[in-house]
Protein backbone atom coordinates (compact mmCIF):
# COMPACT_ATOMS: atom_id res chain seq x y z
CA MET A 1 53.55 -132.03 71.14
CA LEU A 2 52.17 -134.44 68.54
CA LYS A 3 49.29 -133.48 66.28
CA ILE A 4 47.07 -136.54 65.81
CA ALA A 5 44.09 -137.19 63.52
CA ILE A 6 41.53 -139.95 64.08
CA VAL A 7 39.52 -140.95 61.00
CA GLU A 8 36.80 -143.34 62.21
CA ASP A 9 33.13 -143.41 61.24
CA GLU A 10 31.88 -145.35 64.28
CA LYS A 11 31.38 -143.12 67.30
CA GLN A 12 32.17 -145.76 69.92
CA TYR A 13 35.53 -146.59 68.33
CA GLN A 14 36.36 -142.93 67.83
CA ALA A 15 35.60 -142.24 71.49
CA SER A 16 37.66 -145.26 72.52
CA LEU A 17 40.73 -143.99 70.63
CA VAL A 18 40.38 -140.53 72.16
CA GLU A 19 40.16 -142.12 75.61
CA HIS A 20 43.24 -144.27 74.96
CA LEU A 21 45.20 -141.23 73.80
CA SER A 22 44.22 -139.35 76.96
CA LYS A 23 45.34 -142.28 79.13
CA PHE A 24 48.62 -142.59 77.23
CA GLU A 25 49.28 -138.85 77.70
CA LYS A 26 48.91 -139.15 81.47
CA LEU A 27 50.90 -142.34 81.88
CA HIS A 28 53.75 -141.31 79.57
CA LYS A 29 53.71 -137.56 80.30
CA GLU A 30 53.14 -136.65 76.65
CA GLN A 31 51.00 -133.94 75.06
CA PHE A 32 48.76 -134.41 72.02
CA VAL A 33 46.52 -132.22 69.90
CA VAL A 34 43.74 -134.49 68.62
CA ARG A 35 41.29 -133.86 65.78
CA THR A 36 38.57 -136.32 64.75
CA PHE A 37 37.01 -137.04 61.34
CA TYR A 38 34.16 -139.36 60.37
CA ASP A 39 35.32 -140.14 56.83
CA GLY A 40 38.38 -140.17 54.59
CA ILE A 41 36.86 -137.46 52.41
CA ASP A 42 36.73 -135.12 55.41
CA ILE A 43 40.44 -135.28 56.28
CA LEU A 44 41.45 -134.87 52.63
CA ASP A 45 39.40 -131.70 52.29
CA ASP A 46 42.09 -128.97 52.29
CA TYR A 47 44.71 -131.39 53.67
CA LYS A 48 47.65 -129.35 55.00
CA ALA A 49 50.21 -132.09 55.73
CA ASP A 50 50.68 -130.92 59.31
CA TYR A 51 49.69 -134.10 61.21
CA ASP A 52 52.29 -136.28 62.89
CA VAL A 53 50.05 -139.35 63.21
CA ILE A 54 46.80 -140.48 61.54
CA PHE A 55 44.70 -143.33 62.94
CA LEU A 56 42.73 -144.50 59.91
CA ASP A 57 39.78 -146.87 59.83
CA ILE A 58 39.87 -149.31 56.91
CA HIS A 59 36.07 -149.51 56.37
CA MET A 60 34.18 -146.24 56.08
CA LYS A 61 30.95 -145.36 54.34
CA HIS A 62 32.04 -142.86 51.69
CA GLN A 63 35.79 -143.39 51.20
CA ASP A 64 37.65 -146.38 52.63
CA GLY A 65 40.86 -146.03 54.61
CA MET A 66 43.16 -147.59 52.01
CA THR A 67 42.02 -145.19 49.28
CA THR A 68 42.38 -142.31 51.74
CA ALA A 69 45.90 -143.43 52.72
CA LYS A 70 47.02 -143.60 49.08
CA LYS A 71 45.78 -140.05 48.48
CA ILE A 72 47.43 -138.83 51.69
CA ARG A 73 50.75 -140.36 50.64
CA LYS A 74 50.72 -138.28 47.45
CA LEU A 75 50.62 -135.17 49.65
CA ASP A 76 52.53 -136.31 52.71
CA GLU A 77 55.22 -138.99 52.65
CA ASN A 78 56.21 -138.58 56.29
CA VAL A 79 53.00 -138.69 58.33
CA ILE A 80 52.70 -141.84 60.44
CA ILE A 81 49.67 -143.93 59.45
CA ILE A 82 48.17 -146.57 61.73
CA PHE A 83 45.22 -148.55 60.40
CA ILE A 84 42.23 -149.54 62.52
CA THR A 85 40.53 -152.69 61.25
CA ALA A 86 38.37 -155.61 62.33
CA LEU A 87 40.14 -157.97 59.92
CA ALA A 88 43.84 -158.75 60.28
CA GLN A 89 44.33 -159.61 56.58
CA TYR A 90 43.97 -155.94 55.68
CA ALA A 91 47.21 -155.23 57.52
CA ILE A 92 49.19 -156.60 54.55
CA GLU A 93 47.70 -153.88 52.34
CA GLY A 94 49.00 -151.32 54.81
CA TYR A 95 52.59 -151.92 53.77
CA LYS A 96 51.79 -150.55 50.30
CA VAL A 97 51.27 -147.11 51.84
CA ASN A 98 54.08 -147.46 54.38
CA ALA A 99 51.77 -147.77 57.38
CA LEU A 100 53.63 -148.05 60.67
CA ASP A 101 51.19 -150.48 62.29
CA PHE A 102 47.61 -151.69 62.48
CA ILE A 103 45.31 -152.15 65.46
CA LEU A 104 42.47 -154.67 65.59
CA LYS A 105 38.97 -153.71 66.70
CA PRO A 106 37.80 -153.57 69.38
CA VAL A 107 40.89 -151.56 70.36
CA VAL A 108 42.27 -152.58 73.75
CA TYR A 109 44.61 -150.18 75.54
CA GLU A 110 47.55 -152.62 75.76
CA GLN A 111 47.68 -153.01 71.96
CA PHE A 112 47.19 -149.28 71.52
CA GLU A 113 50.06 -148.55 73.90
CA VAL A 114 52.46 -150.76 71.91
CA ALA A 115 51.52 -148.91 68.73
CA MET A 116 52.03 -145.51 70.37
CA GLU A 117 55.45 -146.53 71.66
CA LYS A 118 56.39 -147.27 68.03
CA VAL A 119 55.06 -143.84 67.11
CA LEU A 120 57.23 -142.10 69.71
CA GLN A 121 60.31 -144.05 68.62
CA THR A 122 59.71 -143.01 65.00
CA CYS A 123 59.10 -139.39 66.00
CA ARG A 124 62.40 -139.28 67.91
CA LYS A 125 64.12 -140.14 64.62
CA TYR A 126 62.29 -137.27 62.91
CA GLN A 127 63.43 -134.92 65.67
CA ARG A 128 66.93 -135.27 64.24
CA GLU A 129 65.48 -133.84 61.03
CA LYS A 130 63.12 -130.97 60.33
CA GLN A 131 59.91 -131.01 58.35
CA ILE A 132 59.24 -128.06 56.04
CA ILE A 133 55.86 -127.27 54.47
CA VAL A 134 56.26 -126.65 50.72
CA MET A 135 54.00 -126.42 47.67
CA ASP A 136 53.70 -129.33 45.25
CA GLY A 137 51.70 -127.73 42.45
CA SER A 138 48.59 -126.48 44.23
CA ALA A 139 48.90 -128.93 47.14
CA LYS A 140 50.88 -128.61 50.36
CA ARG A 141 53.26 -131.33 51.49
CA LYS A 142 56.06 -131.89 53.97
CA VAL A 143 59.68 -132.48 53.04
CA SER A 144 62.43 -133.47 55.43
CA THR A 145 65.76 -131.69 55.64
CA ASP A 146 67.34 -135.09 54.98
CA GLU A 147 65.73 -135.08 51.52
CA ILE A 148 66.83 -131.61 50.42
CA PHE A 149 69.95 -131.21 48.24
CA TYR A 150 69.84 -127.43 48.17
CA ILE A 151 67.53 -124.42 48.33
CA GLU A 152 67.49 -121.52 45.92
CA VAL A 153 65.70 -118.18 45.81
CA ILE A 154 64.60 -116.92 42.40
CA GLY A 155 62.72 -113.65 42.43
CA HIS A 156 60.21 -113.79 45.26
CA GLU A 157 59.99 -117.59 45.35
CA MET A 158 62.03 -120.21 47.17
CA PHE A 159 62.72 -123.55 45.45
CA PHE A 160 63.57 -126.78 47.26
CA TYR A 161 65.56 -129.33 45.21
CA THR A 162 65.00 -132.73 46.81
CA SER A 163 65.47 -136.43 46.18
CA HIS A 164 61.77 -136.57 45.21
CA GLY A 165 61.57 -133.51 42.96
CA VAL A 166 61.48 -129.73 43.05
CA TYR A 167 59.01 -127.88 45.29
CA HIS A 168 58.46 -124.20 45.97
CA GLN A 169 57.16 -121.73 48.53
CA LYS A 170 56.54 -117.99 48.59
CA GLY A 171 56.98 -115.52 51.42
CA LEU A 172 60.25 -116.99 52.75
CA THR A 173 63.67 -115.35 52.92
CA LEU A 174 66.97 -117.15 52.56
CA LYS A 175 68.26 -115.32 55.64
CA ASP A 176 65.48 -116.74 57.82
CA MET A 177 65.72 -120.20 56.25
CA SER A 178 69.49 -120.22 56.77
CA ALA A 179 69.07 -119.46 60.48
CA GLU A 180 66.34 -122.08 60.78
CA LEU A 181 68.37 -124.83 59.10
CA GLU A 182 71.84 -124.04 60.42
CA GLU A 183 71.73 -126.88 62.96
CA PHE A 184 70.87 -129.30 60.13
CA HIS A 185 74.12 -128.40 58.29
CA PHE A 186 72.77 -126.10 55.59
CA VAL A 187 75.29 -123.44 54.55
CA LYS A 188 75.04 -120.54 52.10
CA SER A 189 77.15 -120.91 48.97
CA GLY A 190 76.08 -117.50 47.64
CA GLN A 191 73.43 -114.83 48.04
CA SER A 192 70.67 -117.05 46.64
CA GLN A 193 71.61 -120.66 47.50
CA LEU A 194 71.63 -122.73 50.66
CA VAL A 195 73.36 -126.12 50.40
CA ASN A 196 72.87 -129.27 52.48
CA LEU A 197 76.43 -130.36 53.34
CA ARG A 198 75.25 -133.94 53.54
CA TYR A 199 74.91 -134.04 49.74
CA VAL A 200 78.08 -132.19 48.71
CA GLU A 201 79.98 -134.47 46.32
CA LYS A 202 82.90 -132.13 45.61
CA ILE A 203 84.05 -128.51 45.71
CA SER A 204 85.97 -127.41 42.62
CA GLY A 205 86.88 -123.82 41.86
CA ASP A 206 83.76 -121.74 42.18
CA ALA A 207 81.30 -124.66 42.08
CA VAL A 208 79.78 -127.01 44.65
CA SER A 209 78.54 -130.30 43.22
CA VAL A 210 75.42 -131.96 44.62
CA PRO A 211 73.29 -134.67 42.94
CA GLY A 212 72.11 -133.30 39.62
CA ALA A 213 73.57 -129.79 39.90
CA ASP A 214 76.67 -127.63 40.18
CA ILE A 215 75.97 -124.64 42.43
CA TYR A 216 77.86 -121.35 42.29
CA LEU A 217 80.22 -120.78 45.20
CA SER A 218 80.83 -117.08 45.65
CA ARG A 219 84.24 -115.70 46.53
CA SER A 220 82.90 -114.06 49.70
CA ARG A 221 81.39 -117.35 50.92
CA LYS A 222 84.10 -119.77 49.77
CA LYS A 223 86.34 -119.81 52.86
CA GLU A 224 83.42 -120.13 55.28
CA PHE A 225 81.76 -122.83 53.15
CA ILE A 226 84.91 -124.97 52.87
CA GLU A 227 85.55 -124.68 56.62
CA ALA A 228 81.96 -125.72 57.39
CA PHE A 229 82.21 -128.67 54.99
CA ALA A 230 85.55 -129.81 56.48
CA GLU A 231 84.05 -129.65 59.96
CA TYR A 232 81.00 -131.61 58.82
CA VAL A 233 83.09 -134.32 57.14
CA GLY A 234 85.26 -134.61 60.25
CA MET A 235 82.18 -134.91 62.40
CA GLU A 236 80.76 -137.64 60.15
CA ILE A 237 84.03 -139.57 60.26
């Protein structure tokens, strides 16, 4: 079930997009949760990075769509953005914020359907990954399992070491996270670390090397870890 936001300040276009989504659901046997906003400021208020798709109008009264998209990208690198615009030249700007597509006003269903098929194709790729909500300072953002080198628990806080930086989250246990990420090839190297096998560069003695770090490999976990890594490498080959 996709969670979709529509950010459009003109009621008739907002209603048209909702209608198109409803039609697409029925024809393609999909399910959506849809929330509407009338301005970019509104969606950014307490943004939680839990949308799959955002339809974003370029021209709005208080905060335009491009400014909104740039601010969203600082919090959420993975959400799919589709711009709604009356002028095709604005589509070029969309590539700066990694927009998937743009739709010209007035929005006709056939064009909308093509865009949504792109959305579903992109989402199927993400289904081979998992999105995790983490804290980036005081803001929430999503990170993909494909971006995480390893996870470590220090005290009562969990840290996520990724290709984009280090993020954190409280209230999580390594036991639960290990069970949740097992199918994405994360394996414990010790009592406090969970390693993404995809990023293991080498195993030497009691250390596992990943980009930027050597992680302790405990004696009790060593045999299981090496077996899991050998199986993963064989699977990749």
